[in-house]
Structure formats: structure tokens, C-alpha cells
Amino acid sequence: MADVSPIELQMALKGANYPSSRDDLMRCAENNGADQTIMDELSHLPSQDFENPSEVQKAVFH
């Protein structure tokens, strides 16, 4: 399981537009000041488009 909470992830991805690629999500998180732990979790996501925040949550907390 991820080392971040779902709430931390939601805060990091606030304002993300969907569908979003992994790189789009990482840029959004970086712009929101996400810490390295969150950035690491996002960097391990599959290279695909995510249709909504729920899909991102499922991928991170699989």
C-alpha cells in the first residue's frame, strides 16, 4: 500500500483536469507542492490516461 493517505493524494491533485496522463498528474502535484513521497507514488503509476480521481486512487492504493 502507498505511504500516503487518500486525503494527501487528493490535495496534491487538486485542480487536475481529467482525463490526465501520469505526467499531467505529476505536474499538477508538483505545482501543488506535493512532497517527494507523493511524487514517487505518482511516478510508479502506469503510463495511461486516468479518467477521474477514483481511477488514480485505485492505481495508487491497489
PDB file of N, CA and C in Angstrom:
ATOM      1  N   MET A   1       0.844  -1.188   0.000  1.00  0.00           N
ATOM      2  CA  MET A   1       0.000   0.000   0.000  1.00  0.00           C
ATOM      3  C   MET A   1       0.884   1.245   0.000  1.00  0.00           C
ATOM      4  N   ALA A   2       0.348   2.297  -0.499  1.00  0.00           N
ATOM      5  CA  ALA A   2       1.083   3.554  -0.622  1.00  0.00           C
ATOM      6  C   ALA A   2       1.399   4.132   0.750  1.00  0.00           C
ATOM      7  N   ASP A   3       2.446   4.951   0.784  1.00  0.00           N
ATOM      8  CA  ASP A   3       2.864   5.610   2.021  1.00  0.00           C
ATOM      9  C   ASP A   3       2.186   6.957   2.208  1.00  0.00           C
ATOM     10  N   VAL A   4       1.167   7.232   1.427  1.00  0.00           N
ATOM     11  CA  VAL A   4       0.419   8.487   1.537  1.00  0.00           C
ATOM     12  C   VAL A   4      -1.039   8.160   1.813  1.00  0.00           C
ATOM     13  N   SER A   5      -1.742   9.112   2.379  1.00  0.00           N
ATOM     14  CA  SER A   5      -3.166   8.906   2.638  1.00  0.00           C
ATOM     15  C   SER A   5      -3.976   9.359   1.423  1.00  0.00           C
ATOM     16  N   PRO A   6      -5.190   8.847   1.292  1.00  0.00           N
ATOM     17  CA  PRO A   6      -6.045   9.307   0.190  1.00  0.00           C
ATOM     18  C   PRO A   6      -6.274  10.819   0.228  1.00  0.00           C
ATOM     19  N   ILE A   7      -6.355  11.380   1.416  1.00  0.00           N
ATOM     20  CA  ILE A   7      -6.582  12.823   1.528  1.00  0.00           C
ATOM     21  C   ILE A   7      -5.363  13.589   1.028  1.00  0.00           C
ATOM     22  N   GLU A   8      -4.154  13.128   1.376  1.00  0.00           N
ATOM     23  CA  GLU A   8      -2.940  13.781   0.889  1.00  0.00           C
ATOM     24  C   GLU A   8      -2.881  13.723  -0.637  1.00  0.00           C
ATOM     25  N   LEU A   9      -3.270  12.579  -1.187  1.00  0.00           N
ATOM     26  CA  LEU A   9      -3.264  12.430  -2.639  1.00  0.00           C
ATOM     27  C   LEU A   9      -4.260  13.387  -3.281  1.00  0.00           C
ATOM     28  N   GLN A  10      -5.465  13.475  -2.723  1.00  0.00           N
ATOM     29  CA  GLN A  10      -6.477  14.391  -3.257  1.00  0.00           C
ATOM     30  C   GLN A  10      -5.990  15.831  -3.212  1.00  0.00           C
ATOM     31  N   MET A  11      -5.344  16.214  -2.126  1.00  0.00           N
ATOM     32  CA  MET A  11      -4.839  17.583  -2.008  1.00  0.00           C
ATOM     33  C   MET A  11      -3.750  17.848  -3.047  1.00  0.00           C
ATOM     34  N   ALA A  12      -2.892  16.858  -3.278  1.00  0.00           N
ATOM     35  CA  ALA A  12      -1.814  17.019  -4.256  1.00  0.00           C
ATOM     36  C   ALA A  12      -2.363  17.170  -5.668  1.00  0.00           C
ATOM     37  N   LEU A  13      -3.501  16.537  -5.937  1.00  0.00           N
ATOM     38  CA  LEU A  13      -4.058  16.547  -7.290  1.00  0.00           C
ATOM     39  C   LEU A  13      -5.211  17.538  -7.454  1.00  0.00           C
ATOM     40  N   LYS A  14      -5.357  18.429  -6.499  1.00  0.00           N
ATOM     41  CA  LYS A  14      -6.412  19.440  -6.581  1.00  0.00           C
ATOM     42  C   LYS A  14      -6.244  20.253  -7.860  1.00  0.00           C
ATOM     43  N   GLY A  15      -7.326  20.371  -8.600  1.00  0.00           N
ATOM     44  CA  GLY A  15      -7.307  21.156  -9.826  1.00  0.00           C
ATOM     45  C   GLY A  15      -6.912  20.373 -11.068  1.00  0.00           C
ATOM     46  N   ALA A  16      -6.637  19.084 -10.916  1.00  0.00           N
ATOM     47  CA  ALA A  16      -6.267  18.270 -12.083  1.00  0.00           C
ATOM     48  C   ALA A  16      -7.445  18.173 -13.041  1.00  0.00           C
ATOM     49  N   ASN A  17      -7.145  18.234 -14.324  1.00  0.00           N
ATOM     50  CA  ASN A  17      -8.164  18.057 -15.354  1.00  0.00           C
ATOM     51  C   ASN A  17      -8.120  16.618 -15.831  1.00  0.00           C
ATOM     52  N   TYR A  18      -9.275  16.041 -16.015  1.00  0.00           N
ATOM     53  CA  TYR A  18      -9.367  14.643 -16.468  1.00  0.00           C
ATOM     54  C   TYR A  18     -10.040  14.582 -17.817  1.00  0.00           C
ATOM     55  N   PRO A  19      -9.633  13.626 -18.656  1.00  0.00           N
ATOM     56  CA  PRO A  19      -8.603  12.612 -18.414  1.00  0.00           C
ATOM     57  C   PRO A  19      -7.215  13.232 -18.315  1.00  0.00           C
ATOM     58  N   SER A  20      -6.356  12.596 -17.496  1.00  0.00           N
ATOM     59  CA  SER A  20      -4.982  13.047 -17.264  1.00  0.00           C
ATOM     60  C   SER A  20      -4.024  11.883 -17.387  1.00  0.00           C
ATOM     61  N   SER A  21      -2.884  12.158 -17.961  1.00  0.00           N
ATOM     62  CA  SER A  21      -1.826  11.155 -18.025  1.00  0.00           C
ATOM     63  C   SER A  21      -1.037  11.178 -16.709  1.00  0.00           C
ATOM     64  N   ARG A  22      -0.188  10.187 -16.516  1.00  0.00           N
ATOM     65  CA  ARG A  22       0.684  10.160 -15.344  1.00  0.00           C
ATOM     66  C   ARG A  22       1.511  11.446 -15.270  1.00  0.00           C
ATOM     67  N   ASP A  23       2.059  11.877 -16.404  1.00  0.00           N
ATOM     68  CA  ASP A  23       2.884  13.085 -16.418  1.00  0.00           C
ATOM     69  C   ASP A  23       2.068  14.324 -16.064  1.00  0.00           C
ATOM     70  N   ASP A  24       0.828  14.391 -16.554  1.00  0.00           N
ATOM     71  CA  ASP A  24      -0.050  15.518 -16.206  1.00  0.00           C
ATOM     72  C   ASP A  24      -0.306  15.552 -14.703  1.00  0.00           C
ATOM     73  N   LEU A  25      -0.549  14.375 -14.122  1.00  0.00           N
ATOM     74  CA  LEU A  25      -0.816  14.293 -12.686  1.00  0.00           C
ATOM     75  C   LEU A  25       0.419  14.688 -11.881  1.00  0.00           C
ATOM     76  N   MET A  26       1.585  14.270 -12.341  1.00  0.00           N
ATOM     77  CA  MET A  26       2.817  14.633 -11.648  1.00  0.00           C
ATOM     78  C   MET A  26       3.060  16.136 -11.696  1.00  0.00           C
ATOM     79  N   ARG A  27       2.780  16.756 -12.847  1.00  0.00           N
ATOM     80  CA  ARG A  27       2.933  18.207 -12.965  1.00  0.00           C
ATOM     81  C   ARG A  27       1.978  18.932 -12.024  1.00  0.00           C
ATOM     82  N   CYS A  28       0.746  18.460 -11.978  1.00  0.00           N
ATOM     83  CA  CYS A  28      -0.257  19.067 -11.106  1.00  0.00           C
ATOM     84  C   CYS A  28       0.183  18.956  -9.644  1.00  0.00           C
ATOM     85  N   ALA A  29       0.624  17.777  -9.246  1.00  0.00           N
ATOM     86  CA  ALA A  29       1.058  17.564  -7.863  1.00  0.00           C
ATOM     87  C   ALA A  29       2.256  18.453  -7.526  1.00  0.00           C
ATOM     88  N   GLU A  30       3.188  18.556  -8.452  1.00  0.00           N
ATOM     89  CA  GLU A  30       4.361  19.399  -8.227  1.00  0.00           C
ATOM     90  C   GLU A  30       3.943  20.862  -8.055  1.00  0.00           C
ATOM     91  N   ASN A  31       3.025  21.318  -8.891  1.00  0.00           N
ATOM     92  CA  ASN A  31       2.524  22.696  -8.799  1.00  0.00           C
ATOM     93  C   ASN A  31       1.790  22.946  -7.483  1.00  0.00           C
ATOM     94  N   ASN A  32       1.219  21.875  -6.910  1.00  0.00           N
ATOM     95  CA  ASN A  32       0.505  21.986  -5.639  1.00  0.00           C
ATOM     96  C   ASN A  32       1.433  21.774  -4.442  1.00  0.00           C
ATOM     97  N   GLY A  33       2.734  21.627  -4.695  1.00  0.00           N
ATOM     98  CA  GLY A  33       3.694  21.498  -3.603  1.00  0.00           C
ATOM     99  C   GLY A  33       3.747  20.128  -2.966  1.00  0.00           C
ATOM    100  N   ALA A  34       3.411  19.090  -3.725  1.00  0.00           N
ATOM    101  CA  ALA A  34       3.422  17.729  -3.183  1.00  0.00           C
ATOM    102  C   ALA A  34       4.826  17.339  -2.728  1.00  0.00           C
ATOM    103  N   ASP A  35       4.874  16.545  -1.658  1.00  0.00           N
ATOM    104  CA  ASP A  35       6.180  16.102  -1.169  1.00  0.00           C
ATOM    105  C   ASP A  35       6.712  14.945  -2.019  1.00  0.00           C
ATOM    106  N   GLN A  36       7.944  14.560  -1.739  1.00  0.00           N
ATOM    107  CA  GLN A  36       8.610  13.548  -2.555  1.00  0.00           C
ATOM    108  C   GLN A  36       7.907  12.196  -2.492  1.00  0.00           C
ATOM    109  N   THR A  37       7.298  11.866  -1.368  1.00  0.00           N
ATOM    110  CA  THR A  37       6.594  10.588  -1.240  1.00  0.00           C
ATOM    111  C   THR A  37       5.446  10.499  -2.242  1.00  0.00           C
ATOM    112  N   ILE A  38       4.687  11.564  -2.347  1.00  0.00           N
ATOM    113  CA  ILE A  38       3.573  11.584  -3.299  1.00  0.00           C
ATOM    114  C   ILE A  38       4.105  11.539  -4.728  1.00  0.00           C
ATOM    115  N   MET A  39       5.141  12.300  -4.991  1.00  0.00           N
ATOM    116  CA  MET A  39       5.724  12.294  -6.336  1.00  0.00           C
ATOM    117  C   MET A  39       6.214  10.893  -6.708  1.00  0.00           C
ATOM    118  N   ASP A  40       6.824  10.194  -5.756  1.00  0.00           N
ATOM    119  CA  ASP A  40       7.286   8.825  -6.004  1.00  0.00           C
ATOM    120  C   ASP A  40       6.116   7.893  -6.325  1.00  0.00           C
ATOM    121  N   GLU A  41       5.039   8.019  -5.567  1.00  0.00           N
ATOM    122  CA  GLU A  41       3.858   7.179  -5.821  1.00  0.00           C
ATOM    123  C   GLU A  41       3.306   7.440  -7.225  1.00  0.00           C
ATOM    124  N   LEU A  42       3.211   8.704  -7.598  1.00  0.00           N
ATOM    125  CA  LEU A  42       2.683   9.044  -8.918  1.00  0.00           C
ATOM    126  C   LEU A  42       3.611   8.559 -10.024  1.00  0.00           C
ATOM    127  N   SER A  43       4.903   8.593  -9.780  1.00  0.00           N
ATOM    128  CA  SER A  43       5.849   8.163 -10.816  1.00  0.00           C
ATOM    129  C   SER A  43       5.743   6.674 -11.109  1.00  0.00           C
ATOM    130  N   HIS A  44       5.170   5.911 -10.188  1.00  0.00           N
ATOM    131  CA  HIS A  44       5.015   4.469 -10.386  1.00  0.00           C
ATOM    132  C   HIS A  44       3.656   4.093 -10.998  1.00  0.00           C
ATOM    133  N   LEU A  45       2.845   5.082 -11.304  1.00  0.00           N
ATOM    134  CA  LEU A  45       1.564   4.790 -11.951  1.00  0.00           C
ATOM    135  C   LEU A  45       1.805   4.274 -13.366  1.00  0.00           C
ATOM    136  N   PRO A  46       0.876   3.464 -13.871  1.00  0.00           N
ATOM    137  CA  PRO A  46       1.020   3.022 -15.256  1.00  0.00           C
ATOM    138  C   PRO A  46       0.927   4.203 -16.222  1.00  0.00           C
ATOM    139  N   SER A  47       1.557   4.050 -17.354  1.00  0.00           N
ATOM    140  CA  SER A  47       1.533   5.086 -18.377  1.00  0.00           C
ATOM    141  C   SER A  47       0.222   4.956 -19.147  1.00  0.00           C
ATOM    142  N   GLN A  48      -0.796   5.623 -18.666  1.00  0.00           N
ATOM    143  CA  GLN A  48      -2.127   5.570 -19.273  1.00  0.00           C
ATOM    144  C   GLN A  48      -2.859   6.853 -18.913  1.00  0.00           C
ATOM    145  N   ASP A  49      -4.009   7.055 -19.517  1.00  0.00           N
ATOM    146  CA  ASP A  49      -4.847   8.183 -19.136  1.00  0.00           C
ATOM    147  C   ASP A  49      -5.803   7.737 -18.038  1.00  0.00           C
ATOM    148  N   PHE A  50      -5.941   8.565 -17.026  1.00  0.00           N
ATOM    149  CA  PHE A  50      -6.862   8.314 -15.928  1.00  0.00           C
ATOM    150  C   PHE A  50      -8.081   9.193 -16.145  1.00  0.00           C
ATOM    151  N   GLU A  51      -9.252   8.582 -16.101  1.00  0.00           N
ATOM    152  CA  GLU A  51     -10.486   9.294 -16.428  1.00  0.00           C
ATOM    153  C   GLU A  51     -11.022  10.151 -15.288  1.00  0.00           C
ATOM    154  N   ASN A  52     -10.643   9.826 -14.052  1.00  0.00           N
ATOM    155  CA  ASN A  52     -11.172  10.562 -12.901  1.00  0.00           C
ATOM    156  C   ASN A  52     -10.311  10.279 -11.666  1.00  0.00           C
ATOM    157  N   PRO A  53     -10.526  11.041 -10.601  1.00  0.00           N
ATOM    158  CA  PRO A  53      -9.727  10.836  -9.384  1.00  0.00           C
ATOM    159  C   PRO A  53      -9.848   9.421  -8.807  1.00  0.00           C
ATOM    160  N   SER A  54     -11.008   8.821  -8.967  1.00  0.00           N
ATOM    161  CA  SER A  54     -11.203   7.472  -8.444  1.00  0.00           C
ATOM    162  C   SER A  54     -10.256   6.471  -9.096  1.00  0.00           C
ATOM    163  N   GLU A  55     -10.033   6.601 -10.398  1.00  0.00           N
ATOM    164  CA  GLU A  55      -9.090   5.713 -11.090  1.00  0.00           C
ATOM    165  C   GLU A  55      -7.671   5.906 -10.569  1.00  0.00           C
ATOM    166  N   VAL A  56      -7.311   7.139 -10.269  1.00  0.00           N
ATOM    167  CA  VAL A  56      -5.978   7.406  -9.719  1.00  0.00           C
ATOM    168  C   VAL A  56      -5.856   6.760  -8.347  1.00  0.00           C
ATOM    169  N   GLN A  57      -6.866   6.935  -7.513  1.00  0.00           N
ATOM    170  CA  GLN A  57      -6.859   6.329  -6.172  1.00  0.00           C
ATOM    171  C   GLN A  57      -6.688   4.820  -6.262  1.00  0.00           C
ATOM    172  N   LYS A  58      -7.444   4.190  -7.145  1.00  0.00           N
ATOM    173  CA  LYS A  58      -7.348   2.727  -7.301  1.00  0.00           C
ATOM    174  C   LYS A  58      -5.951   2.309  -7.722  1.00  0.00           C
ATOM    175  N   ALA A  59      -5.337   3.061  -8.610  1.00  0.00           N
ATOM    176  CA  ALA A  59      -3.998   2.716  -9.086  1.00  0.00           C
ATOM    177  C   ALA A  59      -2.949   2.897  -7.995  1.00  0.00           C
ATOM    178  N   VAL A  60      -3.084   3.937  -7.185  1.00  0.00           N
ATOM    179  CA  VAL A  60      -2.106   4.191  -6.137  1.00  0.00           C
ATOM    180  C   VAL A  60      -2.290   3.223  -4.959  1.00  0.00           C
ATOM    181  N   PHE A  61      -3.524   2.961  -4.591  1.00  0.00           N
ATOM    182  CA  PHE A  61      -3.811   2.147  -3.414  1.00  0.00           C
ATOM    183  C   PHE A  61      -4.266   0.744  -3.778  1.00  0.00           C
ATOM    184  N   HIS A  62      -3.673   0.165  -4.791  1.00  0.00           N
ATOM    185  CA  HIS A  62      -4.048  -1.176  -5.252  1.00  0.00           C
ATOM    186  C   HIS A  62      -3.707  -2.269  -4.263  1.00  0.00           C
TER     187      HIS A  62
END
